[in-house]
C-alpha atoms as a PDB file:
ATOM      1  CA  MET A   1     245.910  83.517  71.928  1.00  0.00           C
ATOM      2  CA  PHE A   2     249.354  84.810  71.276  1.00  0.00           C
ATOM      3  CA  ALA A   3     249.289  87.092  74.173  1.00  0.00           C
ATOM      4  CA  PHE A   4     248.595  84.556  76.713  1.00  0.00           C
ATOM      5  CA  ALA A   5     251.839  82.676  75.488  1.00  0.00           C
ATOM      6  CA  ARG A   6     254.072  85.615  76.228  1.00  0.00           C
ATOM      7  CA  PRO A   7     256.025  85.366  79.615  1.00  0.00           C
ATOM      8  CA  GLY A   8     255.728  89.028  80.236  1.00  0.00           C
ATOM      9  CA  PHE A   9     251.832  88.810  80.095  1.00  0.00           C
ATOM     10  CA  TRP A  10     251.798  86.446  83.042  1.00  0.00           C
ATOM     11  CA  ALA A  11     254.419  88.446  85.075  1.00  0.00           C
ATOM     12  CA  LEU A  12     252.063  91.709  84.496  1.00  0.00           C
ATOM     13  CA  PHE A  13     248.869  89.548  85.419  1.00  0.00           C
ATOM     14  CA  PHE A  14     250.237  88.720  88.743  1.00  0.00           C
ATOM     15  CA  THR A  15     251.593  92.054  89.688  1.00  0.00           C
ATOM     16  CA  GLU A  16     249.581  95.082  88.374  1.00  0.00           C
ATOM     17  CA  PHE A  17     246.127  95.669  87.034  1.00  0.00           C
ATOM     18  CA  LYS A  18     245.444  96.313  83.451  1.00  0.00           C
ATOM     19  CA  CYS A  19     242.178  95.900  81.610  1.00  0.00           C
ATOM     20  CA  HIS A  20     242.190  93.638  78.945  1.00  0.00           C
ATOM     21  CA  HIS A  21     239.220  95.548  77.173  1.00  0.00           C
ATOM     22  CA  CYS A  22     240.556  99.049  77.047  1.00  0.00           C
ATOM     23  CA  GLY A  23     243.787  99.023  78.643  1.00  0.00           C
ATOM     24  CA  SER A  24     243.406 101.081  81.683  1.00  0.00           C
ATOM     25  CA  ARG A  25     245.452 100.793  84.807  1.00  0.00           C
ATOM     26  CA  GLU A  26     242.961 101.844  87.214  1.00  0.00           C
ATOM     27  CA  GLY A  27     241.104  98.996  88.815  1.00  0.00           C
ATOM     28  CA  TYR A  28     238.960  99.053  91.933  1.00  0.00           C
ATOM     29  CA  VAL A  29     237.772  96.247  94.295  1.00  0.00           C
ATOM     30  CA  SER A  30     234.234  94.922  93.348  1.00  0.00           C
ATOM     31  CA  ARG A  31     231.722  93.347  95.442  1.00  0.00           C
ATOM     32  CA  PRO A  32     231.235  89.636  95.138  1.00  0.00           C
ATOM     33  CA  ARG A  33     227.992  88.759  93.401  1.00  0.00           C
ATOM     34  CA  ASN A  34     227.280  85.201  94.157  1.00  0.00           C
ATOM     35  CA  PHE A  35     228.546  82.032  96.220  1.00  0.00           C
ATOM     36  CA  LEU A  36     231.256  81.525  93.933  1.00  0.00           C
ATOM     37  CA  GLU A  37     232.784  84.920  94.071  1.00  0.00           C
ATOM     38  CA  THR A  38     232.109  85.133  97.842  1.00  0.00           C
ATOM     39  CA  TYR A  39     233.943  81.767  98.862  1.00  0.00           C
ATOM     40  CA  VAL A  40     235.465  79.894  96.075  1.00  0.00           C
ATOM     41  CA  LEU A  41     237.679  82.812  94.752  1.00  0.00           C
ATOM     42  CA  SER A  42     239.171  83.487  98.066  1.00  0.00           C
ATOM     43  CA  VAL A  43     240.535  79.810  98.214  1.00  0.00           C
ATOM     44  CA  VAL A  44     242.167  80.090  94.822  1.00  0.00           C
ATOM     45  CA  ALA A  45     243.484  83.736  95.898  1.00  0.00           C
ATOM     46  CA  LEU A  46     241.385  85.561  93.327  1.00  0.00           C
ATOM     47  CA  ARG A  47     238.963  88.589  93.783  1.00  0.00           C
ATOM     48  CA  PRO A  48     236.592  90.340  91.692  1.00  0.00           C
ATOM     49  CA  ALA A  49     237.817  93.754  90.199  1.00  0.00           C
ATOM     50  CA  ARG A  50     236.188  96.421  88.156  1.00  0.00           C
ATOM     51  CA  CYS A  51     237.839  98.613  85.646  1.00  0.00           C
ATOM     52  CA  GLY A  52     237.768 102.304  86.594  1.00  0.00           C
ATOM     53  CA  GLU A  53     237.161 103.586  82.972  1.00  0.00           C
ATOM     54  CA  CYS A  54     235.009 100.862  80.984  1.00  0.00           C
ATOM     55  CA  TYR A  55     233.619  99.298  84.232  1.00  0.00           C
ATOM     56  CA  ARG A  56     234.045  95.753  83.079  1.00  0.00           C
ATOM     57  CA  ARG A  57     234.559  93.019  85.786  1.00  0.00           C
ATOM     58  CA  THR A  58     237.343  90.366  86.133  1.00  0.00           C
ATOM     59  CA  TRP A  59     238.866  88.308  88.566  1.00  0.00           C
ATOM     60  CA  ARG A  60     242.254  89.217  89.664  1.00  0.00           C
ATOM     61  CA  PRO A  61     244.933  87.628  91.963  1.00  0.00           C
ATOM     62  CA  VAL A  62     244.664  88.906  95.636  1.00  0.00           C
ATOM     63  CA  ARG A  63     248.212  90.330  95.221  1.00  0.00           C
ATOM     64  CA  VAL A  64     247.277  92.890  92.486  1.00  0.00           C
ATOM     65  CA  PRO A  65     246.980  96.271  94.135  1.00  0.00           C
ATOM     66  CA  LEU A  66     243.449  97.603  93.437  1.00  0.00           C
ATOM     67  CA  LEU A  67     241.863 100.862  94.532  1.00  0.00           C
ATOM     68  CA  PRO A  68     239.234 100.895  97.172  1.00  0.00           C
ATOM     69  CA  ARG A  69     235.642 100.659  96.115  1.00  0.00           C
ATOM     70  CA  MET A  70     234.273 104.161  95.261  1.00  0.00           C
ATOM     71  CA  GLU A  71     231.387 105.287  97.655  1.00  0.00           C
ATOM     72  CA  SER A  72     228.080 105.783  96.381  1.00  0.00           C
ATOM     73  CA  MET A  73     226.940 109.250  95.989  1.00  0.00           C
ATOM     74  CA  ASN A  74     224.143 110.408  98.385  1.00  0.00           C
ATOM     75  CA  PHE A  75     221.415 112.292  96.476  1.00  0.00           C
ATOM     76  CA  ASP A  76     219.162 114.613  98.241  1.00  0.00           C
ATOM     77  CA  PRO A  77     216.780 116.330  95.754  1.00  0.00           C
ATOM     78  CA  GLU A  78     215.664 119.098  98.366  1.00  0.00           C
ATOM     79  CA  GLN A  79     219.106 120.252  99.115  1.00  0.00           C
ATOM     80  CA  MET A  80     220.129 120.071  95.368  1.00  0.00           C
ATOM     81  CA  VAL A  81     216.861 122.274  94.520  1.00  0.00           C
ATOM     82  CA  ALA A  82     217.802 124.853  97.269  1.00  0.00           C
ATOM     83  CA  SER A  83     221.459 125.255  96.256  1.00  0.00           C
ATOM     84  CA  ALA A  84     220.363 125.820  92.695  1.00  0.00           C
ATOM     85  CA  GLN A  85     217.767 128.364  93.766  1.00  0.00           C
ATOM     86  CA  ALA A  86     220.517 130.165  95.972  1.00  0.00           C
ATOM     87  CA  ALA A  87     222.795 130.313  93.039  1.00  0.00           C
ATOM     88  CA  ASP A  88     220.279 131.643  90.724  1.00  0.00           C
ATOM     89  CA  HIS A  89     219.288 134.330  93.330  1.00  0.00           C
ATOM     90  CA  LYS A  90     222.971 135.236  93.948  1.00  0.00           C
ATOM     91  CA  GLU A  91     223.454 135.591  90.212  1.00  0.00           C
ATOM     92  CA  ALA A  92     220.437 137.809  89.667  1.00  0.00           C
ATOM     93  CA  GLN A  93     221.630 140.144  92.476  1.00  0.00           C
ATOM     94  CA  GLU A  94     225.111 140.474  90.736  1.00  0.00           C
ATOM     95  CA  GLU A  95     223.496 141.250  87.367  1.00  0.00           C
ATOM     96  CA  THR A  96     221.352 144.048  88.601  1.00  0.00           C
ATOM     97  CA  ARG A  97     224.197 146.063  90.552  1.00  0.00           C
ATOM     98  CA  VAL A  98     225.309 149.001  88.705  1.00  0.00           C
ATOM     99  CA  ARG A  99     228.906 149.575  88.990  1.00  0.00           C
ATOM    100  CA  PRO A 100     229.840 153.601  89.243  1.00  0.00           C
ATOM    101  CA  THR A 101     232.351 153.034  86.345  1.00  0.00           C
ATOM    102  CA  ASP A 102     229.606 151.733  84.023  1.00  0.00           C
ATOM    103  CA  ARG A 103     227.122 154.749  84.308  1.00  0.00           C
ATOM    104  CA  ASP A 104     226.818 156.817  81.261  1.00  0.00           C
ATOM    105  CA  ARG A 105     226.733 160.722  81.702  1.00  0.00           C
ATOM    106  CA  ILE A 106     224.263 162.667  79.964  1.00  0.00           C
ATOM    107  CA  ALA A 107     225.504 166.020  78.795  1.00  0.00           C
END
């Protein structure tokens, strides 16, 4: 409760992102989940934000600069298997090559 009474807290709340849970300063724009977040928050100049480290959601003023939402990763299992097999094949070829300096001479 004491933190809310300090004037510096409110000045920072309206100018920069800082997670109240973990203290991270990395915040991302989050998708609105329901009617309230879609329509009502914009009327009161708030938007949903997500912490970049602990992933907790909060509502922040529109003026607070946030990073754009991260794009989802495209997962193609066939491509991942093919690249893993190619890497294994390349590694096996490198292991079987004999370097001229590594040969032992038998007298």
